[in-house]
Protein backbone atom coordinates (compact mmCIF):
# COMPACT_ATOMS: atom_id res chain seq x y z
CA PRO A 1 0.00 0.00 0.00
CA HIS A 2 2.92 2.42 0.47
CA GLU A 3 4.35 2.29 -3.03
CA ARG A 4 2.54 1.08 -6.13
CA THR A 5 3.40 1.42 -9.78
CA ALA A 6 -0.18 0.86 -10.97
CA LEU A 7 -2.89 3.50 -10.67
CA MET A 8 -5.09 2.96 -7.60
CA ARG A 9 -7.59 4.80 -5.40
CA VAL A 10 -6.04 5.84 -2.10
CA ASN A 11 -9.30 5.53 -0.19
CA SER A 12 -10.19 2.06 -1.51
CA PRO A 13 -10.88 -0.26 1.43
CA SER A 14 -8.43 -3.07 2.03
CA PRO A 15 -8.50 -5.73 4.71
CA PRO A 16 -6.29 -5.06 7.73
CA MET A 17 -3.07 -7.03 7.86
CA THR A 18 -0.86 -7.99 10.76
CA LEU A 19 2.68 -9.26 10.50
CA LEU A 20 2.86 -12.87 11.58
CA ALA A 21 5.52 -11.96 14.16
CA ASN A 22 3.05 -9.57 15.85
CA HIS A 23 -0.14 -11.58 15.37
CA PRO A 24 -1.98 -12.67 18.56
CA GLU A 25 -2.38 -16.18 17.05
CA ARG A 26 1.25 -16.32 15.89
CA ASP A 27 2.10 -19.78 17.22
CA ASP A 28 -1.03 -21.46 15.80
CA ILE A 29 -0.69 -19.73 12.43
CA ALA A 30 3.03 -20.54 12.19
CA ALA A 31 2.23 -24.22 12.92
CA GLN A 32 -0.38 -24.19 10.14
CA LEU A 33 2.05 -22.53 7.71
CA ARG A 34 4.69 -25.18 8.41
CA LYS A 35 2.21 -27.68 6.88
CA ASN A 36 1.92 -25.66 3.66
CA ILE A 37 2.85 -27.53 0.48
CA VAL A 38 5.75 -25.12 -0.17
CA LEU A 39 6.76 -23.93 3.29
CA ARG A 40 6.96 -27.39 4.87
CA ARG A 41 10.14 -27.99 2.88
CA LEU A 42 11.93 -25.10 4.59
CA ALA A 43 14.46 -25.74 7.31
CA PRO A 44 13.46 -24.16 10.66
CA ALA A 45 16.15 -21.48 10.28
CA ALA A 46 14.88 -20.56 6.79
CA PHE A 47 11.29 -20.38 8.04
CA GLY A 48 12.52 -18.15 10.86
CA LYS A 49 14.00 -15.73 8.30
CA LEU A 50 10.79 -15.73 6.26
CA GLU A 51 8.42 -15.26 9.20
CA PRO A 52 9.04 -11.50 9.75
CA LEU A 53 8.10 -10.85 6.09
CA LEU A 54 4.69 -12.60 6.19
CA SER A 55 1.52 -10.55 6.66
CA ILE A 56 -1.66 -12.30 7.84
CA ILE A 57 -4.81 -11.05 6.10
CA ASP A 58 -8.45 -12.12 6.38
CA TYR A 59 -10.48 -11.64 3.19
CA ARG A 60 -14.24 -11.84 2.73
CA LYS A 61 -15.94 -14.05 0.16
CA GLY A 62 -15.61 -12.34 -3.24
CA ASP A 63 -12.64 -10.12 -2.31
CA VAL A 64 -10.00 -9.73 -5.02
CA LEU A 65 -6.45 -10.47 -3.88
CA LEU A 66 -4.79 -9.96 -7.28
CA THR A 67 -6.31 -8.17 -10.26
CA GLN A 68 -5.74 -9.38 -13.80
CA GLY A 69 -3.30 -6.96 -15.44
CA ALA A 70 -1.67 -5.87 -12.17
CA HIS A 71 2.10 -5.59 -11.83
CA ASP A 72 2.24 -5.65 -8.01
CA MET A 73 2.26 -9.28 -7.00
CA GLU A 74 2.41 -11.38 -3.89
CA GLN A 75 2.50 -15.03 -2.95
CA TYR A 76 -0.54 -16.13 -0.97
CA PHE A 77 -0.15 -19.07 1.40
CA VAL A 78 -3.68 -20.25 2.23
CA ILE A 79 -4.18 -20.83 5.94
CA ASP A 80 -7.96 -21.28 5.84
CA GLY A 81 -10.59 -21.00 3.09
CA VAL A 82 -10.53 -21.28 -0.71
CA LEU A 83 -9.13 -19.04 -3.46
CA LYS A 84 -9.81 -19.23 -7.19
CA ARG A 85 -7.65 -18.15 -10.11
CA VAL A 86 -9.78 -16.69 -12.92
CA VAL A 87 -9.31 -15.13 -16.36
CA SER A 88 -11.79 -12.55 -17.61
CA SER A 89 -12.38 -12.02 -21.31
CA PRO A 90 -12.94 -8.54 -22.81
CA GLU A 91 -16.65 -9.49 -22.97
CA GLY A 92 -16.71 -10.05 -19.20
CA LYS A 93 -16.85 -13.85 -19.32
CA GLU A 94 -14.89 -15.58 -16.60
CA MET A 95 -13.01 -18.88 -16.76
CA ILE A 96 -11.78 -20.57 -13.58
CA LEU A 97 -8.23 -21.89 -13.96
CA ARG A 98 -7.69 -23.46 -10.54
CA PHE A 99 -8.59 -23.44 -6.87
CA ALA A 100 -6.24 -23.15 -3.88
CA LYS A 101 -7.29 -24.45 -0.48
CA GLU A 102 -5.82 -24.73 3.01
CA ASP A 103 -2.12 -25.66 2.96
CA ASP A 104 -1.85 -24.57 -0.71
CA MET A 105 -0.56 -21.36 -2.26
CA ASP A 106 -1.36 -19.11 -5.19
CA THR A 107 0.66 -16.48 -6.96
CA SER A 108 1.50 -15.09 -10.38
CA TYR A 109 5.18 -15.90 -10.04
CA ALA A 110 5.79 -16.42 -13.78
CA ALA A 111 4.43 -12.96 -14.61
CA TRP A 112 6.53 -11.47 -11.82
CA ARG A 113 9.69 -13.21 -13.07
CA LEU A 114 8.98 -12.15 -16.68
CA ARG A 115 7.93 -8.64 -15.56
CA THR A 116 4.61 -8.90 -17.35
CA PRO A 117 1.11 -8.10 -16.04
CA ALA A 118 -0.74 -10.80 -14.11
CA PRO A 119 -2.60 -12.91 -16.69
CA TYR A 120 -5.41 -13.71 -14.24
CA SER A 121 -7.10 -12.57 -11.04
CA ILE A 122 -7.10 -14.31 -7.67
CA ARG A 123 -10.34 -14.08 -5.68
CA ALA A 124 -11.69 -15.43 -2.40
CA VAL A 125 -14.31 -18.14 -2.97
CA THR A 126 -15.02 -18.32 0.77
CA LYS A 127 -13.90 -16.29 3.73
CA VAL A 128 -10.15 -16.87 3.58
CA ARG A 129 -7.09 -16.23 5.72
CA VAL A 130 -3.75 -16.00 3.95
CA ALA A 131 -0.13 -15.26 4.73
CA LYS A 132 1.00 -12.77 2.10
CA LEU A 133 4.60 -12.48 0.94
CA PRO A 134 5.25 -9.53 -1.40
CA LEU A 135 7.04 -10.14 -4.69
CA PRO A 136 8.46 -6.67 -5.27
CA PRO A 137 8.74 -5.33 -8.82
CA GLY A 138 12.22 -5.77 -10.19
CA SER A 139 13.31 -7.33 -6.93
CA PHE A 140 16.32 -9.33 -6.04
CA PRO A 141 16.26 -12.14 -3.46
CA THR A 142 19.15 -10.84 -1.35
CA LEU A 143 22.33 -8.77 -1.35
CA TRP A 144 25.48 -10.71 -2.15
CA ASN A 145 26.87 -12.12 1.10
CA ALA A 146 24.59 -9.79 3.10
CA ASP A 147 21.22 -11.45 3.76
CA GLN A 148 20.53 -9.51 6.97
CA ARG A 149 21.46 -6.16 5.39
CA TYR A 150 18.94 -6.95 2.62
CA VAL A 151 16.17 -7.58 5.18
CA ASP A 152 17.10 -4.50 7.23
CA GLY A 153 17.44 -2.19 4.22
CA TYR A 154 14.44 -3.25 2.14
CA MET A 155 11.89 -5.14 4.24
CA ARG A 156 11.76 -3.66 7.78
CA GLU A 157 10.74 -0.01 7.29
CA TYR A 158 7.28 -0.81 5.85
CA PRO A 159 6.15 -4.10 7.44
CA GLY A 160 4.56 -6.36 4.83
CA CYS A 161 5.86 -4.20 1.96
CA TYR A 162 9.11 -3.77 0.07
CA LYS A 163 10.95 -0.44 0.16
CA THR A 164 11.82 0.35 -3.46
CA GLY A 165 13.03 3.90 -3.00
CA ASP A 166 10.69 4.98 -5.80
CA ALA A 167 8.85 8.28 -5.57
CA GLY A 168 5.22 9.08 -6.33
CA PHE A 169 2.50 11.59 -5.63
CA ILE A 170 -1.22 11.75 -4.83
CA ASP A 171 -3.29 13.99 -7.10
CA GLN A 172 -6.30 16.09 -6.08
CA ASP A 173 -8.66 13.19 -6.87
CA GLY A 174 -6.84 10.77 -4.56
CA TYR A 175 -5.00 8.76 -7.23
CA VAL A 176 -1.42 7.61 -6.65
CA PHE A 177 1.10 8.00 -9.48
C-alpha cells in the first residue's frame, strides 16, 4: 500500500493485515504454515528468516487479492478457506483456472519473473485467511553475502511491503502515481 506502480484509489478499502511476528495467534498460524505444500520444505532457520516478512490477512468471500493486469504481485499461502484463479475475457466472461485451499498457495510468479502483467485474477471463494509475501517489482532475493542487510534495508521499514526507493504523488482526486 505504500508504493505502487499501478494507478489505484487511495481511499479504496483493504483488509487489515498484521505481520505474523506480531499476530496474537502467531504460534497457531506458524504451525499451520509449516504444513503448507511449499513452506513445509523449509528448514526451521529458513522459516525463521521468512516469518518477519509474512503478513496475515483475512479476506471476505468475493474479495480480489490480485487483479488481472496488475504488476504488483504477492504469494498467498492459504491458511484457511478457498481461493480461485480466474481469467476474464474482454466481454466479461470468466473462466476458472484453478482453486487453492488450506495448505496450498497461489501467486503469479511467472508474470513477476517475466515482468509482465498478471494474466489472471485471484479471488476469495469463501472467507479466507492468507499469509502474504510480497514479490516486489524488479526485486532481487538478497544482497550478495549480506542477507541480513537486505532484510534490514528493504523489508523492515514498511512491514509487509518492500521499500523500493521509488517516488510518487497523490493527485487532487486521490490517485497515486
